[in-house]
């Protein structure tokens, strides 16, 4: 089992409010981990890590202990962790990690003398030459 199979075990249409609170999942195949963003009463993030059939789900922040279990238990581990973190936030026991903004700057307009302008990350390059 890999991280993609693990994430695929989360049902898309669930009647459970914890699983419906999942807004996004970012999978990191190189480390067999995934970042899960959820929002019940407040927004927070979880990190799921798969190592040899054992899944660990930890909250990104301070105040909640991680949960571990077999890969087959992953949806229930995520659900339990979402409820636990949401409860801890509401009583002030958990402080979520601050979200860093992802700022993407647009490149400056290309020079008019270029026939086929191409942005090369830090400068414009004319692909005709």
N, C-alpha and C. Protein backbone atom coordinates (compact mmCIF):
# COMPACT_ATOMS: atom_id res chain seq x y z
N UNK A 1 0.85 -1.18 0.00
CA UNK A 1 0.00 0.00 0.00
C UNK A 1 0.89 1.24 0.00
N UNK A 2 0.51 2.23 -0.79
CA UNK A 2 1.25 3.49 -0.80
C UNK A 2 0.34 4.63 -0.37
N UNK A 3 0.87 5.84 -0.34
CA UNK A 3 0.12 6.98 0.17
C UNK A 3 -1.10 7.30 -0.70
N UNK A 4 -1.01 7.03 -2.01
CA UNK A 4 -2.15 7.28 -2.89
C UNK A 4 -3.31 6.34 -2.56
N UNK A 5 -3.01 5.07 -2.29
CA UNK A 5 -4.06 4.12 -1.90
C UNK A 5 -4.68 4.52 -0.57
N UNK A 6 -3.84 5.01 0.32
CA UNK A 6 -4.30 5.43 1.64
C UNK A 6 -5.28 6.60 1.53
N UNK A 7 -4.92 7.60 0.76
CA UNK A 7 -5.80 8.76 0.58
C UNK A 7 -7.07 8.35 -0.16
N UNK A 8 -6.94 7.41 -1.09
CA UNK A 8 -8.11 6.92 -1.82
C UNK A 8 -9.11 6.19 -0.94
N UNK A 9 -8.70 5.77 0.25
CA UNK A 9 -9.62 5.08 1.16
C UNK A 9 -10.55 6.04 1.90
N UNK A 10 -10.31 7.35 1.79
CA UNK A 10 -11.23 8.33 2.38
C UNK A 10 -12.43 8.47 1.45
N UNK A 11 -13.64 8.20 1.93
CA UNK A 11 -14.81 8.30 1.05
C UNK A 11 -15.06 9.75 0.61
N UNK A 12 -15.43 9.92 -0.66
CA UNK A 12 -15.68 11.27 -1.18
C UNK A 12 -17.00 11.82 -0.67
N UNK A 13 -18.03 11.02 -0.70
CA UNK A 13 -19.36 11.45 -0.24
C UNK A 13 -19.69 10.73 1.05
N UNK A 14 -19.38 11.39 2.14
CA UNK A 14 -19.60 10.81 3.46
C UNK A 14 -20.68 11.59 4.18
N UNK A 15 -21.39 10.92 5.05
CA UNK A 15 -22.40 11.61 5.86
C UNK A 15 -21.78 12.11 7.17
N UNK A 16 -20.50 11.89 7.34
CA UNK A 16 -19.82 12.30 8.56
C UNK A 16 -19.28 13.71 8.40
N UNK A 17 -19.57 14.59 9.35
CA UNK A 17 -19.15 15.98 9.21
C UNK A 17 -17.63 16.15 9.30
N UNK A 18 -16.93 15.25 9.98
CA UNK A 18 -15.47 15.36 10.06
C UNK A 18 -14.84 15.10 8.70
N UNK A 19 -15.30 14.08 7.99
CA UNK A 19 -14.74 13.79 6.67
C UNK A 19 -15.20 14.83 5.65
N UNK A 20 -16.37 15.39 5.84
CA UNK A 20 -16.84 16.47 4.96
C UNK A 20 -16.07 17.76 5.22
N UNK A 21 -15.44 17.88 6.38
CA UNK A 21 -14.68 19.08 6.73
C UNK A 21 -13.33 19.13 6.02
N UNK A 22 -12.92 18.03 5.39
CA UNK A 22 -11.65 18.01 4.67
C UNK A 22 -11.79 18.89 3.43
N UNK A 23 -10.96 19.92 3.35
CA UNK A 23 -11.03 20.85 2.22
C UNK A 23 -10.03 20.51 1.13
N UNK A 24 -8.82 20.09 1.51
CA UNK A 24 -7.82 19.76 0.50
C UNK A 24 -6.83 18.75 1.08
N UNK A 25 -6.22 18.01 0.15
CA UNK A 25 -5.19 17.04 0.51
C UNK A 25 -4.04 17.22 -0.47
N UNK A 26 -2.84 17.38 0.07
CA UNK A 26 -1.63 17.48 -0.75
C UNK A 26 -0.80 16.24 -0.46
N UNK A 27 -0.52 15.45 -1.50
CA UNK A 27 0.21 14.19 -1.33
C UNK A 27 1.68 14.41 -1.67
N UNK A 28 2.55 13.88 -0.83
CA UNK A 28 4.00 13.92 -1.04
C UNK A 28 4.49 12.49 -1.23
N UNK A 29 4.53 11.98 -2.48
CA UNK A 29 4.89 10.58 -2.71
C UNK A 29 6.32 10.24 -2.28
N UNK A 30 7.23 11.17 -2.37
CA UNK A 30 8.63 10.88 -2.02
C UNK A 30 8.78 10.53 -0.54
N UNK A 31 7.97 11.12 0.31
CA UNK A 31 8.06 10.84 1.75
C UNK A 31 6.90 9.99 2.25
N UNK A 32 6.04 9.53 1.32
CA UNK A 32 4.86 8.74 1.68
C UNK A 32 4.04 9.43 2.77
N UNK A 33 3.77 10.71 2.53
CA UNK A 33 2.99 11.50 3.48
C UNK A 33 1.99 12.38 2.74
N UNK A 34 1.06 12.94 3.50
CA UNK A 34 0.04 13.82 2.92
C UNK A 34 -0.34 14.87 3.95
N UNK A 35 -0.57 16.10 3.46
CA UNK A 35 -1.05 17.18 4.33
C UNK A 35 -2.54 17.35 4.07
N UNK A 36 -3.32 17.29 5.13
CA UNK A 36 -4.78 17.37 5.04
C UNK A 36 -5.22 18.67 5.69
N UNK A 37 -5.96 19.50 4.94
CA UNK A 37 -6.50 20.73 5.50
C UNK A 37 -7.98 20.53 5.78
N UNK A 38 -8.38 20.79 7.01
CA UNK A 38 -9.77 20.61 7.42
C UNK A 38 -10.28 21.88 8.09
N UNK A 39 -11.60 22.05 8.07
CA UNK A 39 -12.20 23.24 8.66
C UNK A 39 -13.56 22.86 9.23
N UNK A 40 -13.63 22.70 10.55
CA UNK A 40 -14.92 22.54 11.23
C UNK A 40 -15.26 23.88 11.85
N UNK A 41 -14.94 24.08 13.11
CA UNK A 41 -15.15 25.39 13.75
C UNK A 41 -14.00 26.33 13.42
N UNK A 42 -12.83 25.77 13.18
CA UNK A 42 -11.65 26.55 12.82
C UNK A 42 -10.84 25.74 11.80
N UNK A 43 -9.99 26.43 11.07
CA UNK A 43 -9.17 25.75 10.08
C UNK A 43 -7.88 25.24 10.72
N UNK A 44 -7.50 24.02 10.37
CA UNK A 44 -6.26 23.42 10.87
C UNK A 44 -5.78 22.41 9.84
N UNK A 45 -4.55 21.94 10.04
CA UNK A 45 -3.95 20.98 9.12
C UNK A 45 -3.44 19.76 9.87
N UNK A 46 -3.54 18.63 9.19
CA UNK A 46 -3.04 17.36 9.71
C UNK A 46 -1.97 16.85 8.76
N UNK A 47 -1.05 16.06 9.28
CA UNK A 47 -0.03 15.42 8.45
C UNK A 47 -0.16 13.91 8.66
N UNK A 48 -0.41 13.19 7.57
CA UNK A 48 -0.51 11.73 7.62
C UNK A 48 0.76 11.15 7.02
N UNK A 49 1.37 10.19 7.72
CA UNK A 49 2.61 9.57 7.26
C UNK A 49 2.44 8.05 7.26
N UNK A 50 2.85 7.42 6.17
CA UNK A 50 2.77 5.97 6.04
C UNK A 50 4.17 5.39 6.07
N UNK A 51 4.40 4.47 7.02
CA UNK A 51 5.70 3.79 7.12
C UNK A 51 5.43 2.31 7.37
N UNK A 52 5.62 1.52 6.31
CA UNK A 52 5.50 0.08 6.45
C UNK A 52 4.15 -0.43 6.93
N UNK A 53 3.08 0.11 6.48
CA UNK A 53 1.75 -0.35 6.87
C UNK A 53 1.19 0.31 8.12
N UNK A 54 2.00 1.13 8.78
CA UNK A 54 1.55 1.88 9.96
C UNK A 54 1.34 3.33 9.55
N UNK A 55 0.17 3.86 9.88
CA UNK A 55 -0.18 5.24 9.54
C UNK A 55 -0.14 6.07 10.81
N UNK A 56 0.49 7.23 10.71
CA UNK A 56 0.50 8.19 11.82
C UNK A 56 -0.16 9.47 11.34
N UNK A 57 -1.15 9.94 12.09
CA UNK A 57 -1.84 11.19 11.78
C UNK A 57 -1.54 12.16 12.92
N UNK A 58 -0.91 13.29 12.57
CA UNK A 58 -0.53 14.28 13.57
C UNK A 58 -1.08 15.64 13.17
N UNK A 59 -1.44 16.44 14.15
CA UNK A 59 -1.90 17.80 13.90
C UNK A 59 -0.69 18.72 13.81
N UNK A 60 -0.74 19.64 12.85
CA UNK A 60 0.34 20.63 12.71
C UNK A 60 0.04 21.78 13.66
N UNK A 61 0.70 21.77 14.78
CA UNK A 61 0.49 22.75 15.83
C UNK A 61 0.87 22.13 17.16
N UNK A 62 0.50 22.77 18.24
CA UNK A 62 0.87 22.29 19.56
C UNK A 62 -0.37 22.01 20.39
N UNK A 63 -0.40 20.84 21.05
CA UNK A 63 -1.49 20.57 21.97
C UNK A 63 -2.23 19.27 21.73
N UNK A 64 -1.96 18.53 20.65
CA UNK A 64 -2.63 17.26 20.39
C UNK A 64 -1.59 16.19 20.07
N UNK A 65 -1.75 15.04 20.70
CA UNK A 65 -0.84 13.93 20.45
C UNK A 65 -1.22 13.23 19.14
N UNK A 66 -0.23 12.74 18.39
CA UNK A 66 -0.55 12.03 17.14
C UNK A 66 -1.22 10.69 17.41
N UNK A 67 -1.93 10.19 16.40
CA UNK A 67 -2.59 8.88 16.49
C UNK A 67 -1.96 7.96 15.45
N UNK A 68 -1.77 6.70 15.81
CA UNK A 68 -1.19 5.73 14.89
C UNK A 68 -2.08 4.50 14.84
N UNK A 69 -2.00 3.80 13.69
CA UNK A 69 -2.77 2.58 13.53
C UNK A 69 -2.45 1.92 12.21
N UNK A 70 -3.14 0.84 11.93
CA UNK A 70 -2.95 0.13 10.67
C UNK A 70 -3.53 0.96 9.53
N UNK A 71 -3.03 0.69 8.33
CA UNK A 71 -3.49 1.44 7.15
C UNK A 71 -4.98 1.28 6.93
N UNK A 72 -5.55 0.14 7.28
CA UNK A 72 -6.99 -0.07 7.11
C UNK A 72 -7.81 0.84 8.02
N UNK A 73 -7.23 1.34 9.08
CA UNK A 73 -7.93 2.21 10.02
C UNK A 73 -7.80 3.69 9.67
N UNK A 74 -7.17 4.00 8.54
CA UNK A 74 -6.87 5.40 8.21
C UNK A 74 -8.08 6.33 8.23
N UNK A 75 -9.21 6.01 7.56
CA UNK A 75 -10.33 6.95 7.61
C UNK A 75 -10.83 7.22 9.03
N UNK A 76 -10.88 6.20 9.86
CA UNK A 76 -11.34 6.41 11.24
C UNK A 76 -10.31 7.18 12.06
N UNK A 77 -9.01 7.00 11.78
CA UNK A 77 -7.97 7.78 12.47
C UNK A 77 -8.09 9.26 12.12
N UNK A 78 -8.29 9.55 10.83
CA UNK A 78 -8.44 10.94 10.40
C UNK A 78 -9.68 11.56 11.03
N UNK A 79 -10.78 10.83 11.01
CA UNK A 79 -12.02 11.33 11.59
C UNK A 79 -11.85 11.63 13.08
N UNK A 80 -11.25 10.70 13.82
CA UNK A 80 -11.03 10.91 15.26
C UNK A 80 -10.11 12.09 15.51
N UNK A 81 -9.07 12.23 14.69
CA UNK A 81 -8.12 13.34 14.86
C UNK A 81 -8.79 14.68 14.56
N UNK A 82 -9.63 14.73 13.54
CA UNK A 82 -10.34 15.98 13.21
C UNK A 82 -11.22 16.40 14.38
N UNK A 83 -11.99 15.46 14.92
CA UNK A 83 -12.85 15.79 16.06
C UNK A 83 -12.03 16.22 17.28
N UNK A 84 -10.92 15.52 17.54
CA UNK A 84 -10.09 15.85 18.70
C UNK A 84 -9.47 17.24 18.57
N UNK A 85 -8.92 17.55 17.40
CA UNK A 85 -8.29 18.85 17.19
C UNK A 85 -9.33 19.96 17.26
N UNK A 86 -10.50 19.75 16.66
CA UNK A 86 -11.55 20.76 16.71
C UNK A 86 -12.00 21.03 18.14
N UNK A 87 -12.14 19.98 18.93
CA UNK A 87 -12.51 20.14 20.35
C UNK A 87 -11.41 20.87 21.11
N UNK A 88 -10.15 20.52 20.84
CA UNK A 88 -9.03 21.18 21.53
C UNK A 88 -8.93 22.66 21.17
N UNK A 89 -9.23 23.00 19.93
CA UNK A 89 -9.22 24.41 19.53
C UNK A 89 -10.33 25.17 20.24
N UNK A 90 -11.51 24.55 20.35
CA UNK A 90 -12.64 25.26 20.97
C UNK A 90 -12.43 25.52 22.46
N UNK A 91 -11.66 24.67 23.15
CA UNK A 91 -11.38 24.91 24.58
C UNK A 91 -10.06 25.63 24.79
N UNK A 92 -9.34 25.94 23.72
CA UNK A 92 -8.10 26.70 23.84
C UNK A 92 -6.88 25.87 24.17
N UNK A 93 -6.95 24.54 24.00
CA UNK A 93 -5.83 23.65 24.32
C UNK A 93 -4.90 23.44 23.13
N UNK A 94 -5.35 23.76 21.92
CA UNK A 94 -4.56 23.53 20.72
C UNK A 94 -4.39 24.84 19.95
N UNK A 95 -3.16 25.10 19.53
CA UNK A 95 -2.86 26.27 18.70
C UNK A 95 -2.40 25.78 17.34
N UNK A 96 -3.20 26.02 16.29
CA UNK A 96 -2.77 25.56 14.97
C UNK A 96 -1.54 26.30 14.49
N UNK A 97 -0.75 25.60 13.70
CA UNK A 97 0.43 26.20 13.10
C UNK A 97 -0.02 27.27 12.10
N UNK A 98 0.67 28.40 12.09
CA UNK A 98 0.30 29.48 11.18
C UNK A 98 0.52 29.04 9.73
N UNK A 99 -0.40 29.41 8.88
CA UNK A 99 -0.32 29.07 7.47
C UNK A 99 0.51 30.13 6.76
N UNK A 100 1.52 29.67 6.03
CA UNK A 100 2.36 30.60 5.29
C UNK A 100 1.71 30.87 3.94
N UNK A 101 1.62 32.12 3.54
CA UNK A 101 1.00 32.40 2.25
C UNK A 101 1.90 31.98 1.09
N UNK A 102 1.28 31.52 0.04
CA UNK A 102 2.01 31.14 -1.17
C UNK A 102 1.80 32.26 -2.18
N UNK A 103 2.78 33.12 -2.29
CA UNK A 103 2.66 34.30 -3.15
C UNK A 103 3.32 34.01 -4.49
N UNK A 104 2.56 34.18 -5.54
CA UNK A 104 3.08 33.96 -6.89
C UNK A 104 3.05 35.30 -7.61
N UNK A 105 4.21 35.76 -8.03
CA UNK A 105 4.30 37.03 -8.71
C UNK A 105 4.20 36.82 -10.21
N UNK A 106 3.51 37.71 -10.88
CA UNK A 106 3.46 37.68 -12.34
C UNK A 106 4.76 38.28 -12.87
N UNK A 107 5.28 37.73 -13.96
CA UNK A 107 6.50 38.31 -14.54
C UNK A 107 6.20 39.66 -15.15
N UNK A 108 7.20 40.50 -15.29
CA UNK A 108 6.99 41.79 -15.96
C UNK A 108 6.64 41.55 -17.43
N UNK A 109 6.05 42.53 -18.08
CA UNK A 109 5.71 42.33 -19.49
C UNK A 109 6.96 42.11 -20.33
N UNK A 110 6.85 41.31 -21.41
CA UNK A 110 8.03 41.01 -22.22
C UNK A 110 8.46 42.23 -23.03
N UNK A 111 9.75 42.33 -23.35
CA UNK A 111 10.22 43.42 -24.19
C UNK A 111 9.57 43.34 -25.57
N UNK A 112 9.30 44.47 -26.17
CA UNK A 112 8.59 44.50 -27.45
C UNK A 112 9.46 44.03 -28.61
N UNK A 113 10.77 44.05 -28.47
CA UNK A 113 11.63 43.65 -29.58
C UNK A 113 11.78 42.13 -29.73
N UNK A 114 11.25 41.35 -28.80
CA UNK A 114 11.39 39.89 -28.86
C UNK A 114 10.29 39.31 -29.74
N UNK A 115 10.69 38.36 -30.59
CA UNK A 115 9.72 37.71 -31.47
C UNK A 115 8.95 36.60 -30.74
N UNK A 116 9.68 35.77 -30.00
CA UNK A 116 9.05 34.69 -29.24
C UNK A 116 9.55 34.81 -27.79
N UNK A 117 8.89 35.65 -26.99
CA UNK A 117 9.35 35.83 -25.61
C UNK A 117 9.01 34.62 -24.74
N UNK A 118 9.96 34.29 -23.86
CA UNK A 118 9.77 33.19 -22.92
C UNK A 118 10.35 33.60 -21.57
N UNK A 119 9.53 33.50 -20.51
CA UNK A 119 9.99 33.83 -19.16
C UNK A 119 10.77 32.65 -18.61
N UNK A 120 12.04 32.86 -18.27
CA UNK A 120 12.93 31.80 -17.83
C UNK A 120 13.13 31.80 -16.32
N UNK A 121 12.13 32.23 -15.60
CA UNK A 121 12.20 32.24 -14.14
C UNK A 121 12.69 33.54 -13.55
N UNK A 122 13.65 34.19 -14.20
CA UNK A 122 14.16 35.46 -13.67
C UNK A 122 14.41 36.49 -14.77
N UNK A 123 14.25 36.10 -16.02
CA UNK A 123 14.48 37.05 -17.13
C UNK A 123 13.74 36.56 -18.37
N UNK A 124 13.53 37.47 -19.29
CA UNK A 124 12.91 37.14 -20.56
C UNK A 124 13.98 36.67 -21.54
N UNK A 125 13.67 35.63 -22.32
CA UNK A 125 14.58 35.07 -23.30
C UNK A 125 13.82 35.01 -24.64
N UNK A 126 14.50 35.38 -25.71
CA UNK A 126 13.89 35.31 -27.03
C UNK A 126 14.17 33.92 -27.61
N UNK A 127 13.14 33.11 -27.79
CA UNK A 127 13.34 31.74 -28.26
C UNK A 127 13.66 31.64 -29.74
N UNK A 128 13.51 32.75 -30.46
CA UNK A 128 13.84 32.70 -31.88
C UNK A 128 15.34 32.55 -32.10
N UNK A 129 16.12 33.04 -31.19
CA UNK A 129 17.57 32.98 -31.36
C UNK A 129 18.08 31.77 -30.69
